[in-house]
Protein backbone atom coordinates (compact mmCIF):
# COMPACT_ATOMS: atom_id res chain seq x y z
CA UNK A 1 14.82 -0.80 -32.20
CA UNK A 2 18.35 -1.27 -33.40
CA UNK A 3 20.11 1.95 -32.28
CA UNK A 4 18.95 2.75 -28.77
CA UNK A 5 20.02 5.75 -26.59
CA UNK A 6 19.18 5.59 -22.91
CA UNK A 7 19.36 8.81 -20.82
CA UNK A 8 18.27 9.84 -17.30
CA UNK A 9 19.54 11.01 -14.03
CA UNK A 10 22.34 9.33 -12.19
CA UNK A 11 20.91 6.41 -10.22
CA UNK A 12 17.90 6.03 -12.55
CA UNK A 13 18.94 2.59 -13.83
CA UNK A 14 20.43 3.40 -17.25
CA UNK A 15 23.21 0.83 -17.17
CA UNK A 16 21.01 -1.82 -15.75
CA UNK A 17 18.37 -1.23 -18.41
CA UNK A 18 21.03 -1.20 -21.09
CA UNK A 19 22.46 -4.52 -20.03
CA UNK A 20 18.99 -6.15 -19.84
CA UNK A 21 18.02 -4.77 -23.26
CA UNK A 22 21.31 -5.91 -24.71
CA UNK A 23 20.56 -9.51 -23.62
CA UNK A 24 16.88 -9.31 -24.61
CA UNK A 25 17.47 -7.79 -28.05
CA UNK A 26 20.97 -9.28 -28.70
CA UNK A 27 22.47 -5.84 -29.27
CA UNK A 28 25.98 -4.57 -28.29
CA UNK A 29 25.93 -2.35 -25.25
CA UNK A 30 28.17 0.70 -24.69
CA UNK A 31 28.23 2.42 -21.36
CA UNK A 32 29.47 5.97 -21.94
CA UNK A 33 30.89 6.20 -18.38
CA UNK A 34 33.35 3.35 -19.38
CA UNK A 35 34.55 5.42 -22.34
CA UNK A 36 34.39 8.99 -21.22
CA UNK A 37 36.23 8.73 -17.95
CA UNK A 38 39.99 8.14 -17.68
CA UNK A 39 41.82 6.76 -14.70
CA UNK A 40 41.16 8.52 -11.39
CA UNK A 41 37.93 10.14 -12.58
CA UNK A 42 39.53 12.44 -15.20
CA UNK A 43 36.80 13.35 -17.80
CA UNK A 44 37.63 13.32 -21.46
CA UNK A 45 37.40 16.61 -23.38
CA UNK A 46 34.33 17.43 -25.30
CA UNK A 47 36.18 16.77 -28.63
CA UNK A 48 37.23 13.39 -27.28
CA UNK A 49 33.69 12.61 -26.13
CA UNK A 50 32.30 13.37 -29.66
CA UNK A 51 34.95 11.24 -31.32
CA UNK A 52 34.31 8.26 -28.92
CA UNK A 53 30.60 8.45 -29.55
CA UNK A 54 31.02 8.50 -33.25
CA UNK A 55 33.16 5.37 -33.12
CA UNK A 56 30.64 3.65 -30.85
CA UNK A 57 27.84 4.40 -33.34
CA UNK A 58 29.65 3.11 -36.48
CA UNK A 59 27.77 -0.13 -36.29
CA UNK A 60 24.14 -0.54 -37.46
CA UNK A 61 23.10 -1.87 -34.01
CA UNK A 62 23.87 -0.57 -30.55
CA UNK A 63 22.61 0.49 -27.18
CA UNK A 64 24.36 3.47 -25.57
CA UNK A 65 23.56 4.58 -22.01
CA UNK A 66 24.63 7.82 -20.51
CA UNK A 67 23.76 11.50 -20.53
CA UNK A 68 26.78 13.76 -21.43
CA UNK A 69 24.39 16.58 -22.39
CA UNK A 70 27.11 18.51 -24.08
CA UNK A 71 27.42 15.81 -26.78
CA UNK A 72 23.84 14.37 -26.56
CA UNK A 73 22.99 15.62 -30.17
CA UNK A 74 25.64 13.20 -31.50
CA UNK A 75 23.61 10.29 -30.30
CA UNK A 76 20.19 11.86 -30.98
CA UNK A 77 21.08 12.27 -34.59
CA UNK A 78 21.75 8.52 -34.98
CA UNK A 79 19.39 6.76 -32.59
CA UNK A 80 16.20 5.22 -33.87
CA UNK A 81 14.87 4.87 -30.23
CA UNK A 82 15.42 7.21 -27.27
CA UNK A 83 14.55 5.94 -23.79
CA UNK A 84 14.35 8.62 -21.12
CA UNK A 85 14.28 7.31 -17.56
CA UNK A 86 12.28 10.10 -15.81
CA UNK A 87 12.62 8.57 -12.33
CA UNK A 88 11.94 10.51 -9.12
CA UNK A 89 14.93 12.02 -7.56
CA UNK A 90 14.33 10.24 -4.25
CA UNK A 91 14.50 6.84 -6.04
CA UNK A 92 17.61 7.94 -7.92
CA UNK A 93 19.31 8.94 -4.72
CA UNK A 94 18.36 5.70 -3.06
CA UNK A 95 19.62 3.62 -5.99
CA UNK A 96 22.87 5.56 -6.19
CA UNK A 97 23.57 4.96 -2.49
CA UNK A 98 22.65 1.26 -2.80
CA UNK A 99 24.97 1.00 -5.80
CA UNK A 100 27.79 2.58 -3.86
CA UNK A 101 27.35 0.18 -0.96
CA UNK A 102 27.34 -2.84 -3.33
CA UNK A 103 30.42 -1.63 -5.26
CA UNK A 104 32.45 0.40 -2.77
CA UNK A 105 36.18 -0.14 -3.25
CA UNK A 106 35.90 -1.69 -6.75
CA UNK A 107 35.42 -0.55 -10.32
CA UNK A 108 31.97 -1.40 -11.72
CA UNK A 109 31.88 -3.22 -15.02
CA UNK A 110 30.19 -0.20 -16.62
CA UNK A 111 32.87 2.27 -15.49
CA UNK A 112 36.30 3.09 -16.83
CA UNK A 113 39.33 1.28 -15.46
CA UNK A 114 40.90 3.20 -12.54
CA UNK A 115 37.52 4.81 -11.47
CA UNK A 116 36.77 3.10 -8.18
CA UNK A 117 33.16 3.49 -7.09
CA UNK A 118 32.61 6.69 -5.13
CA UNK A 119 29.75 8.69 -3.86
CA UNK A 120 30.17 12.36 -2.90
CA UNK A 121 28.01 15.37 -2.19
CA UNK A 122 28.63 16.84 -5.65
CA UNK A 123 27.16 13.70 -7.34
CA UNK A 124 24.18 13.55 -4.89
CA UNK A 125 23.53 17.22 -5.49
CA UNK A 126 23.61 16.63 -9.24
CA UNK A 127 21.03 13.85 -8.90
CA UNK A 128 18.87 15.93 -6.57
CA UNK A 129 18.89 18.92 -8.88
CA UNK A 130 18.58 16.93 -12.14
CA UNK A 131 14.82 17.61 -12.46
CA UNK A 132 15.35 21.41 -12.31
CA UNK A 133 18.76 21.66 -13.96
CA UNK A 134 18.89 19.04 -16.66
CA UNK A 135 15.42 17.70 -17.35
CA UNK A 136 13.99 20.87 -19.00
CA UNK A 137 16.80 20.91 -21.60
CA UNK A 138 16.49 17.19 -22.27
CA UNK A 139 12.66 17.51 -22.71
CA UNK A 140 13.18 20.47 -25.11
CA UNK A 141 15.54 18.18 -27.27
CA UNK A 142 13.12 15.17 -26.98
CA UNK A 143 10.16 17.33 -28.06
CA UNK A 144 11.96 18.18 -31.27
CA UNK A 145 12.62 14.57 -32.29
CA UNK A 146 11.50 13.64 -35.84
CA UNK A 147 8.44 11.38 -36.12
CA UNK A 148 10.57 8.44 -37.28
CA UNK A 149 12.36 8.27 -33.92
CA UNK A 150 10.64 6.36 -31.23
CA UNK A 151 10.55 8.09 -27.78
CA UNK A 152 9.89 6.06 -24.67
CA UNK A 153 9.65 7.79 -21.31
CA UNK A 154 9.61 5.48 -18.27
CA UNK A 155 8.78 6.98 -14.88
CA UNK A 156 9.31 4.24 -12.39
CA UNK A 157 11.33 1.05 -11.81
CA UNK A 158 8.04 -0.87 -12.24
CA UNK A 159 7.53 0.70 -15.68
CA UNK A 160 11.06 -0.20 -16.64
CA UNK A 161 10.44 -3.83 -15.71
CA UNK A 162 7.08 -3.91 -17.63
CA UNK A 163 8.79 -2.47 -20.65
CA UNK A 164 11.49 -5.14 -20.57
CA UNK A 165 8.91 -7.87 -20.16
CA UNK A 166 6.86 -6.48 -23.04
CA UNK A 167 9.64 -6.99 -25.55
């Protein structure tokens, strides 16, 4: 595990897992949210997103967390390990709300400068509908991974912790 891609719903724990793995494995961690968003929650264009990801993946070792399904193939082509956090939408909603309360009024370390923590109905709806709207497409891509790529699917916070402890 030298080039690790972490994906999953908002609130699933991608950034937290990335940080913990970075420490455990001594690998550089890149949070896509910190690179893809510009000040005041302005999203980079798809072309910019591809370019950003290609720069982040230039090294031989990295952990990148974030979905960005429109450019997911860029990372899938380079990762040796893909971790999908397939966490229930209720847990993801809870964790997103908890994260908001802990970080309200500030910019999280894994977010872009000028993107103060926020929680709105659009984001909560995206999380709630992730299993129906996003998961099928992700699973289709994951089912097509070549045999030399490791796929790890974790379905609960407890499984995530056990995985970290097993390393």
